[in-house]
Amino acid sequence: MEPVVLAAYTRHYTQLPLLQSAACVEYALYEDGGQLYIKAARNGGQALAVCPLPGAAPAYARDLLRYLYENAVAVEHIRDVIADLRA
């Protein structure tokens, strides 16, 4: 069975010379075989984080995904942020 996307957000960053490169960060919540996980990717997978959420309720997982998106958490930091929030 294919994973099901339960929620997804995309954030676009504009090229700003000397400040930031253009980028696209995708945040998504998946359900696969009864397991929830968050996947985040920058520029189609240039940077990638996949974080299982064992025991998480779907409503909590959706809120967590939205938190990551609204706070523009960098893909490289997502695992640590989720670990801190779930501790």
C-alpha atoms as a PDB file:
ATOM      1  CA  MET A   1       0.000   0.000   0.000  1.00  0.00           C
ATOM      2  CA  GLU A   2       1.190   3.500  -0.823  1.00  0.00           C
ATOM      3  CA  PRO A   3       1.735   6.048   1.977  1.00  0.00           C
ATOM      4  CA  VAL A   4      -1.143   8.522   2.319  1.00  0.00           C
ATOM      5  CA  VAL A   5      -0.439  12.255   2.577  1.00  0.00           C
ATOM      6  CA  LEU A   6      -2.531  13.619   5.457  1.00  0.00           C
ATOM      7  CA  ALA A   7      -1.302  17.232   5.250  1.00  0.00           C
ATOM      8  CA  ALA A   8       1.335  19.170   3.342  1.00  0.00           C
ATOM      9  CA  TYR A   9       2.792  22.667   3.224  1.00  0.00           C
ATOM     10  CA  THR A  10       5.280  24.306   0.883  1.00  0.00           C
ATOM     11  CA  ARG A  11       7.430  27.338   1.699  1.00  0.00           C
ATOM     12  CA  HIS A  12       9.189  29.293  -1.051  1.00  0.00           C
ATOM     13  CA  TYR A  13      12.261  31.415  -0.416  1.00  0.00           C
ATOM     14  CA  THR A  14      13.271  34.151  -2.817  1.00  0.00           C
ATOM     15  CA  GLN A  15      16.810  34.721  -4.047  1.00  0.00           C
ATOM     16  CA  LEU A  16      18.164  37.701  -2.114  1.00  0.00           C
ATOM     17  CA  PRO A  17      21.725  38.522  -3.182  1.00  0.00           C
ATOM     18  CA  LEU A  18      24.184  38.308  -0.275  1.00  0.00           C
ATOM     19  CA  LEU A  19      21.390  37.135   2.058  1.00  0.00           C
ATOM     20  CA  GLN A  20      19.800  33.864   0.891  1.00  0.00           C
ATOM     21  CA  SER A  21      19.473  31.503  -2.017  1.00  0.00           C
ATOM     22  CA  ALA A  22      16.178  30.681  -3.658  1.00  0.00           C
ATOM     23  CA  ALA A  23      14.721  27.487  -2.229  1.00  0.00           C
ATOM     24  CA  CYS A  24      11.562  25.463  -1.837  1.00  0.00           C
ATOM     25  CA  VAL A  25      10.922  23.511   1.370  1.00  0.00           C
ATOM     26  CA  GLU A  26       8.149  20.929   1.468  1.00  0.00           C
ATOM     27  CA  TYR A  27       6.767  19.632   4.764  1.00  0.00           C
ATOM     28  CA  ALA A  28       4.366  16.652   4.712  1.00  0.00           C
ATOM     29  CA  LEU A  29       2.652  14.289   7.142  1.00  0.00           C
ATOM     30  CA  TYR A  30       2.220  10.710   5.948  1.00  0.00           C
ATOM     31  CA  GLU A  31       0.400   7.641   7.202  1.00  0.00           C
ATOM     32  CA  ASP A  32       1.759   4.277   6.108  1.00  0.00           C
ATOM     33  CA  GLY A  33       0.438   1.019   7.562  1.00  0.00           C
ATOM     34  CA  GLY A  34      -0.937   2.772  10.641  1.00  0.00           C
ATOM     35  CA  GLN A  35       2.327   4.634  11.290  1.00  0.00           C
ATOM     36  CA  LEU A  36       2.651   8.415  11.064  1.00  0.00           C
ATOM     37  CA  TYR A  37       5.774  10.213   9.937  1.00  0.00           C
ATOM     38  CA  ILE A  38       6.840  13.679   8.852  1.00  0.00           C
ATOM     39  CA  LYS A  39       8.979  14.179   5.792  1.00  0.00           C
ATOM     40  CA  ALA A  40      10.643  17.468   4.926  1.00  0.00           C
ATOM     41  CA  ALA A  41      12.647  18.160   1.792  1.00  0.00           C
ATOM     42  CA  ARG A  42      14.464  21.191   0.441  1.00  0.00           C
ATOM     43  CA  ASN A  43      14.699  21.650  -3.311  1.00  0.00           C
ATOM     44  CA  GLY A  44      13.166  18.286  -4.116  1.00  0.00           C
ATOM     45  CA  GLY A  45      15.397  16.264  -1.808  1.00  0.00           C
ATOM     46  CA  GLN A  46      18.694  18.167  -1.771  1.00  0.00           C
ATOM     47  CA  ALA A  47      18.224  18.034   2.009  1.00  0.00           C
ATOM     48  CA  LEU A  48      15.846  15.461   3.424  1.00  0.00           C
ATOM     49  CA  ALA A  49      14.503  14.526   6.859  1.00  0.00           C
ATOM     50  CA  VAL A  50      12.127  11.654   7.593  1.00  0.00           C
ATOM     51  CA  CYS A  51      10.878  11.480  11.174  1.00  0.00           C
ATOM     52  CA  PRO A  52       8.642   8.663  12.453  1.00  0.00           C
ATOM     53  CA  LEU A  53       6.095   9.659  15.103  1.00  0.00           C
ATOM     54  CA  PRO A  54       5.440   6.444  17.047  1.00  0.00           C
ATOM     55  CA  GLY A  55       2.332   6.654  19.216  1.00  0.00           C
ATOM     56  CA  ALA A  56       1.407  10.161  18.040  1.00  0.00           C
ATOM     57  CA  ALA A  57      -2.257  11.001  17.577  1.00  0.00           C
ATOM     58  CA  PRO A  58      -3.123  12.303  14.086  1.00  0.00           C
ATOM     59  CA  ALA A  59      -4.290  15.694  15.457  1.00  0.00           C
ATOM     60  CA  TYR A  60      -1.002  16.161  17.328  1.00  0.00           C
ATOM     61  CA  ALA A  61       1.003  15.123  14.255  1.00  0.00           C
ATOM     62  CA  ARG A  62      -0.871  17.693  12.118  1.00  0.00           C
ATOM     63  CA  ASP A  63      -0.188  20.407  14.687  1.00  0.00           C
ATOM     64  CA  LEU A  64       3.468  19.427  14.807  1.00  0.00           C
ATOM     65  CA  LEU A  65       3.713  19.624  11.016  1.00  0.00           C
ATOM     66  CA  ARG A  66       2.085  23.056  11.019  1.00  0.00           C
ATOM     67  CA  TYR A  67       4.454  24.213  13.775  1.00  0.00           C
ATOM     68  CA  LEU A  68       7.464  23.181  11.684  1.00  0.00           C
ATOM     69  CA  TYR A  69       6.080  25.002   8.647  1.00  0.00           C
ATOM     70  CA  GLU A  70       4.959  28.183  10.435  1.00  0.00           C
ATOM     71  CA  ASN A  71       8.304  28.484  12.214  1.00  0.00           C
ATOM     72  CA  ALA A  72      10.268  27.752   9.029  1.00  0.00           C
ATOM     73  CA  VAL A  73      12.279  25.038  10.769  1.00  0.00           C
ATOM     74  CA  ALA A  74      15.210  24.143   8.538  1.00  0.00           C
ATOM     75  CA  VAL A  75      15.250  20.594   7.203  1.00  0.00           C
ATOM     76  CA  GLU A  76      18.599  19.987   8.922  1.00  0.00           C
ATOM     77  CA  HIS A  77      17.039  20.778  12.337  1.00  0.00           C
ATOM     78  CA  ILE A  78      13.696  19.010  12.074  1.00  0.00           C
ATOM     79  CA  ARG A  79      14.767  15.768  13.782  1.00  0.00           C
ATOM     80  CA  ASP A  80      16.180  17.671  16.781  1.00  0.00           C
ATOM     81  CA  VAL A  81      13.158  19.963  17.071  1.00  0.00           C
ATOM     82  CA  ILE A  82      10.735  17.017  16.975  1.00  0.00           C
ATOM     83  CA  ALA A  83      12.814  15.135  19.558  1.00  0.00           C
ATOM     84  CA  ASP A  84      12.811  18.181  21.870  1.00  0.00           C
ATOM     85  CA  LEU A  85       9.063  18.767  21.486  1.00  0.00           C
ATOM     86  CA  ARG A  86       8.218  15.100  22.110  1.00  0.00           C
ATOM     87  CA  ALA A  87      10.535  14.701  25.110  1.00  0.00           C
END
